[in-house]
Amino acid sequence: MPDENKRNLCYFEADSMRELFDDMQTWQVENQKRLLSLSIENDAGKFCCICLTNPSEVVIVGSMSEEGDHAKVRFGDLCVRMS
C-alpha cells in the first residue's frame, strides 16, 4: 500500500469562507482528490476546516445509471454500485 494512502486527514484555515473555499478548491485541483467529509468551525476568528479525503483505493468509475441514482465505485479489484 502506498504511503500517501495512509494519511487522508487535511486541515485548512482562512480569514473568510470565500478564501477557505478557494483554498480547498485549489487543493483539490492540484492533488486530484475528492473530499469525503468535512467540518467547518470558527476558531479564534478564522474559518477552519478538518476534512477526510477519499482513500486512494476508492475510485469512482461511473456516475448515474439508467437504473436509477447509483454510482459505480471500485475498491481495489472489487467494483460495486452505491445508491
Protein backbone atom coordinates (compact mmCIF):
# COMPACT_ATOMS: atom_id res chain seq x y z
CA MET A 1 0.00 0.00 0.00
CA PRO A 2 1.47 3.39 -0.95
CA ASP A 3 2.37 5.75 1.91
CA GLU A 4 0.11 8.50 0.53
CA ASN A 5 -2.93 6.33 1.20
CA LYS A 6 -2.17 6.05 4.92
CA ARG A 7 -2.94 9.72 5.57
CA ASN A 8 -6.27 11.12 4.50
CA LEU A 9 -6.76 13.91 7.06
CA CYS A 10 -6.45 17.53 5.92
CA TYR A 11 -6.64 20.91 7.64
CA PHE A 12 -7.40 24.31 6.10
CA GLU A 13 -7.89 27.75 7.65
CA ALA A 14 -8.68 31.17 6.23
CA ASP A 15 -9.94 34.60 7.23
CA SER A 16 -13.19 34.23 5.24
CA MET A 17 -15.42 31.43 3.98
CA ARG A 18 -14.70 32.55 0.42
CA GLU A 19 -10.95 32.27 0.97
CA LEU A 20 -11.41 28.88 2.64
CA PHE A 21 -13.48 27.66 -0.33
CA ASP A 22 -10.90 28.92 -2.83
CA ASP A 23 -8.03 27.28 -0.91
CA MET A 24 -9.86 23.96 -0.68
CA GLN A 25 -10.87 24.04 -4.34
CA THR A 26 -7.28 24.81 -5.38
CA TRP A 27 -6.03 21.94 -3.20
CA GLN A 28 -8.50 19.52 -4.84
CA VAL A 29 -7.42 20.53 -8.35
CA GLU A 30 -3.70 20.30 -7.51
CA ASN A 31 -3.98 16.96 -5.71
CA GLN A 32 -6.77 15.46 -7.84
CA LYS A 33 -8.55 14.12 -4.75
CA ARG A 34 -12.13 14.31 -3.55
CA LEU A 35 -13.11 15.26 -0.03
CA LEU A 36 -15.04 12.50 1.70
CA SER A 37 -16.32 14.53 4.66
CA LEU A 38 -15.58 17.85 6.29
CA SER A 39 -16.35 20.03 9.27
CA ILE A 40 -16.02 23.81 9.25
CA GLU A 41 -15.84 25.76 12.51
CA ASN A 42 -14.89 29.26 13.56
CA ASP A 43 -11.75 29.17 15.71
CA ALA A 44 -10.04 32.33 17.03
CA GLY A 45 -11.68 34.44 14.32
CA LYS A 46 -10.70 32.14 11.44
CA PHE A 47 -12.72 29.67 9.41
CA CYS A 48 -11.13 26.27 9.99
CA CYS A 49 -11.85 23.01 8.21
CA ILE A 50 -10.84 19.48 9.09
CA CYS A 51 -11.65 17.01 6.35
CA LEU A 52 -11.05 13.47 5.14
CA THR A 53 -10.11 12.63 1.58
CA ASN A 54 -11.23 9.50 -0.21
CA PRO A 55 -8.67 6.74 0.25
CA SER A 56 -6.61 6.14 -2.90
CA GLU A 57 -8.05 2.66 -3.39
CA VAL A 58 -11.61 4.05 -3.69
CA VAL A 59 -12.14 5.14 -7.29
CA ILE A 60 -15.44 6.37 -8.76
CA VAL A 61 -15.69 4.63 -12.12
CA GLY A 62 -19.17 5.73 -13.19
CA SER A 63 -21.99 8.05 -12.23
CA MET A 64 -25.76 7.96 -12.54
CA SER A 65 -27.03 4.87 -14.33
CA GLU A 66 -30.16 4.13 -16.35
CA GLU A 67 -31.49 2.00 -13.45
CA GLY A 68 -31.59 4.95 -11.05
CA ASP A 69 -29.37 7.16 -8.96
CA HIS A 70 -26.37 4.91 -8.47
CA ALA A 71 -22.62 5.40 -8.74
CA LYS A 72 -20.14 2.67 -9.58
CA VAL A 73 -17.25 2.61 -7.11
CA ARG A 74 -14.15 0.43 -7.25
CA PHE A 75 -12.44 -0.71 -4.02
CA GLY A 76 -9.19 -2.25 -5.26
CA ASP A 77 -10.34 -5.08 -7.55
CA LEU A 78 -13.98 -5.05 -6.34
CA CYS A 79 -16.50 -2.91 -8.25
CA VAL A 80 -19.81 -2.12 -6.51
CA ARG A 81 -22.87 0.04 -7.14
CA MET A 82 -23.62 2.66 -4.48
CA SER A 83 -27.02 4.28 -4.10
